[in-house]
Protein backbone atom coordinates (compact mmCIF):
# COMPACT_ATOMS: atom_id res chain seq x y z
CA TRP A 1 132.40 125.99 119.88
CA PHE A 2 135.58 127.74 120.08
CA THR A 3 134.02 130.98 121.49
CA PHE A 4 131.72 129.04 123.74
CA GLY A 5 134.72 127.41 125.11
CA VAL A 6 136.71 130.52 125.58
CA VAL A 7 133.69 131.94 127.54
CA THR A 8 133.28 128.85 129.46
CA GLY A 9 136.91 128.93 130.25
CA PHE A 10 136.70 132.61 131.60
CA HIS A 11 133.68 131.79 133.91
CA LEU A 12 134.36 128.13 134.58
CA PRO A 13 133.34 128.37 138.48
CA VAL A 14 129.94 129.94 137.41
CA PHE A 15 129.37 127.27 134.75
CA LYS A 16 130.20 124.27 136.87
CA GLN A 17 128.23 125.31 139.95
CA ARG A 18 124.98 125.83 137.59
CA LEU A 19 125.71 122.67 135.46
CA ALA A 20 126.23 120.61 138.71
CA GLN A 21 122.47 121.08 139.21
CA VAL A 22 121.51 119.54 135.98
CA LYS A 23 124.37 117.05 135.26
CA TRP A 24 122.22 114.04 134.93
CA TRP A 25 119.67 115.99 132.81
CA LEU A 26 122.83 116.60 130.47
CA LEU A 27 123.98 113.11 130.48
CA ALA A 28 120.19 111.92 129.50
CA ALA A 29 120.35 114.59 126.72
CA VAL A 30 123.60 112.90 125.39
CA VAL A 31 122.06 109.74 125.01
CA ILE A 32 118.70 110.87 123.68
CA THR A 33 120.39 113.33 121.09
CA PHE A 34 122.80 110.48 120.15
CA LEU A 35 119.91 108.21 119.29
CA ALA A 36 117.90 111.04 117.72
CA GLY A 37 120.97 111.71 115.45
CA LEU A 38 121.09 108.00 114.18
CA VAL A 39 117.47 108.21 113.44
CA GLU A 40 117.55 111.80 111.76
CA TRP A 41 120.34 110.60 109.45
CA GLU A 42 118.67 107.48 108.59
CA LEU A 43 115.37 109.25 107.66
CA LEU A 44 117.49 111.97 105.67
CA LEU A 45 119.01 109.26 103.59
CA ALA A 46 115.63 107.48 103.11
CA TRP A 47 113.84 110.82 102.10
CA SER A 48 116.62 111.56 99.80
CA GLY A 49 116.06 108.72 97.67
CA GLN A 50 119.80 108.17 97.02
CA ASP A 51 122.28 105.64 98.35
CA TRP A 52 124.40 108.21 100.02
CA ILE A 53 124.04 111.83 100.85
CA ALA A 54 126.98 114.15 102.05
CA ALA A 55 127.50 114.77 105.88
CA ARG A 56 126.07 118.16 106.96
CA GLU A 57 125.68 119.74 110.07
CA THR A 58 121.82 119.34 111.79
CA MET A 59 120.26 120.92 114.59
CA VAL A 60 120.36 117.49 116.67
CA ASP A 61 124.04 117.42 115.90
CA ASN A 62 124.60 120.65 117.57
CA PHE A 63 122.41 119.80 120.51
CA TYR A 64 124.34 116.56 120.72
CA SER A 65 127.66 118.53 120.80
CA MET A 66 126.57 121.08 123.40
CA ALA A 67 125.31 118.16 125.46
CA VAL A 68 128.52 116.56 125.43
CA LEU A 69 130.57 119.48 126.25
CA LEU A 70 128.60 120.70 128.87
CA SER A 71 128.42 117.22 130.44
CA PHE A 72 132.20 117.15 130.47
CA VAL A 73 132.16 120.43 132.50
CA ALA A 74 129.30 119.16 135.08
CA PHE A 75 131.07 115.89 135.50
CA GLU A 76 134.76 117.08 135.81
CA GLN A 77 135.06 115.64 139.10
CA LEU A 78 134.28 112.08 138.11
CA SER A 79 137.26 109.80 137.94
CA LEU A 80 137.54 107.87 134.59
CA PRO A 81 139.81 105.09 133.95
CA LEU A 82 142.98 106.37 132.14
CA TYR A 83 141.90 109.78 133.02
CA LYS A 84 145.49 111.13 133.07
CA GLN A 85 146.44 109.55 129.81
CA ILE A 86 143.47 110.87 128.21
CA GLY A 87 144.42 114.19 129.58
CA ASP A 88 147.83 113.93 128.28
CA LEU A 89 146.53 112.86 124.86
CA GLY A 90 144.26 115.83 124.83
CA SER A 91 147.23 118.35 125.37
CA LYS A 92 148.89 116.93 122.33
CA SER A 93 145.70 116.82 120.19
CA PHE A 94 146.97 120.00 118.04
CA GLY A 95 150.16 118.40 117.29
CA ILE A 96 148.42 115.15 116.27
CA TYR A 97 146.01 117.06 114.22
CA LEU A 98 148.93 119.03 112.36
CA SER A 99 150.77 115.84 111.52
CA HIS A 100 148.17 113.05 111.21
CA THR A 101 147.21 113.65 107.48
CA PHE A 102 150.32 112.42 105.93
CA VAL A 103 150.52 109.26 108.30
CA LEU A 104 147.07 108.45 107.20
CA GLU A 105 147.69 108.97 103.51
CA TYR A 106 150.77 106.93 103.53
CA THR A 107 149.48 104.10 105.79
CA ALA A 108 146.28 103.82 103.38
CA ARG A 109 148.48 103.64 100.45
CA GLY A 110 150.70 100.97 102.12
CA VAL A 111 147.77 98.85 102.99
CA TYR A 112 146.34 99.21 99.19
CA HIS A 113 149.63 98.02 97.86
CA LEU A 114 150.82 95.54 100.77
CA ALA A 115 147.57 94.01 102.07
CA PRO A 116 144.51 95.02 99.91
CA TRP A 117 142.72 92.18 101.58
CA LEU A 118 142.24 94.53 104.75
CA LEU A 119 140.40 97.10 102.66
CA GLY A 120 137.43 94.63 102.67
CA TYR A 121 137.32 94.80 106.49
CA GLN A 122 136.70 98.29 107.39
CA ILE A 123 136.38 97.74 111.12
CA LEU A 124 140.13 96.43 111.08
CA PHE A 125 141.15 99.12 108.41
CA GLN A 126 139.80 101.94 110.63
CA ALA A 127 141.36 100.66 113.82
CA LEU A 128 144.77 100.50 111.88
CA LEU A 129 144.31 104.05 110.63
CA ILE A 130 143.28 105.40 114.05
CA GLY A 131 146.15 103.61 115.97
CA VAL A 132 148.77 104.55 113.50
CA GLY A 133 147.30 108.13 112.92
CA VAL A 134 147.50 108.88 116.63
CA ALA A 135 151.00 106.58 117.55
CA ILE A 136 153.28 108.02 114.78
CA PRO A 137 152.33 111.82 115.51
CA LEU A 138 152.93 110.98 119.22
CA ALA A 139 156.23 109.23 118.38
CA MET A 140 157.25 112.10 116.01
CA MET A 141 156.38 114.55 118.96
CA SER A 142 158.46 112.63 121.49
CA ILE A 143 161.41 112.33 119.06
CA VAL A 144 161.62 116.04 118.24
CA ARG A 145 161.04 116.89 122.06
CA ARG A 146 164.19 114.85 122.88
CA SER A 147 166.47 115.97 119.91
CA PRO A 148 168.44 118.87 119.24
CA ALA A 149 165.58 120.25 117.12
CA ARG A 150 163.40 120.73 120.34
CA ARG A 151 163.39 124.57 119.79
CA LEU A 152 161.34 123.90 116.73
CA TYR A 153 158.73 121.75 118.69
CA PRO A 154 156.23 124.89 119.12
CA TYR A 155 156.45 125.49 115.34
CA LEU A 156 156.04 122.00 114.34
CA PHE A 157 153.38 120.87 116.70
CA GLY A 158 151.74 123.78 118.34
């Protein structure tokens, strides 16, 4: 996908022009491949005869990924709510990626010791992990950017 992104970036006007003609088909492909992916995984699980199978990439997953990426390029002019904030978050995603592991691990350990009942409510636990896993790295990035250590920011967060 990285190589695809580089090629798309170098030839963005050509891609946008061609994808604009099929953008609604791409959006339909996103919905169809999403649903097909759910069915595919349920069938794989049922046919395996096991309670759980390890995640692996499938052809439907790849078609879904391509449809989502091409849809973003095709619908670029679309004004979405919180568009600027999502773009700002996207520009910091590598820094979040580099620092979120420690945050998630220690948050999960803290929940295990301080509020183990929360582990029984996965939707709340996952929401907590996602919120903390994004908020704390963003706070760390902001603190470093405003501190005397700002020269180290590119080395710490990309």
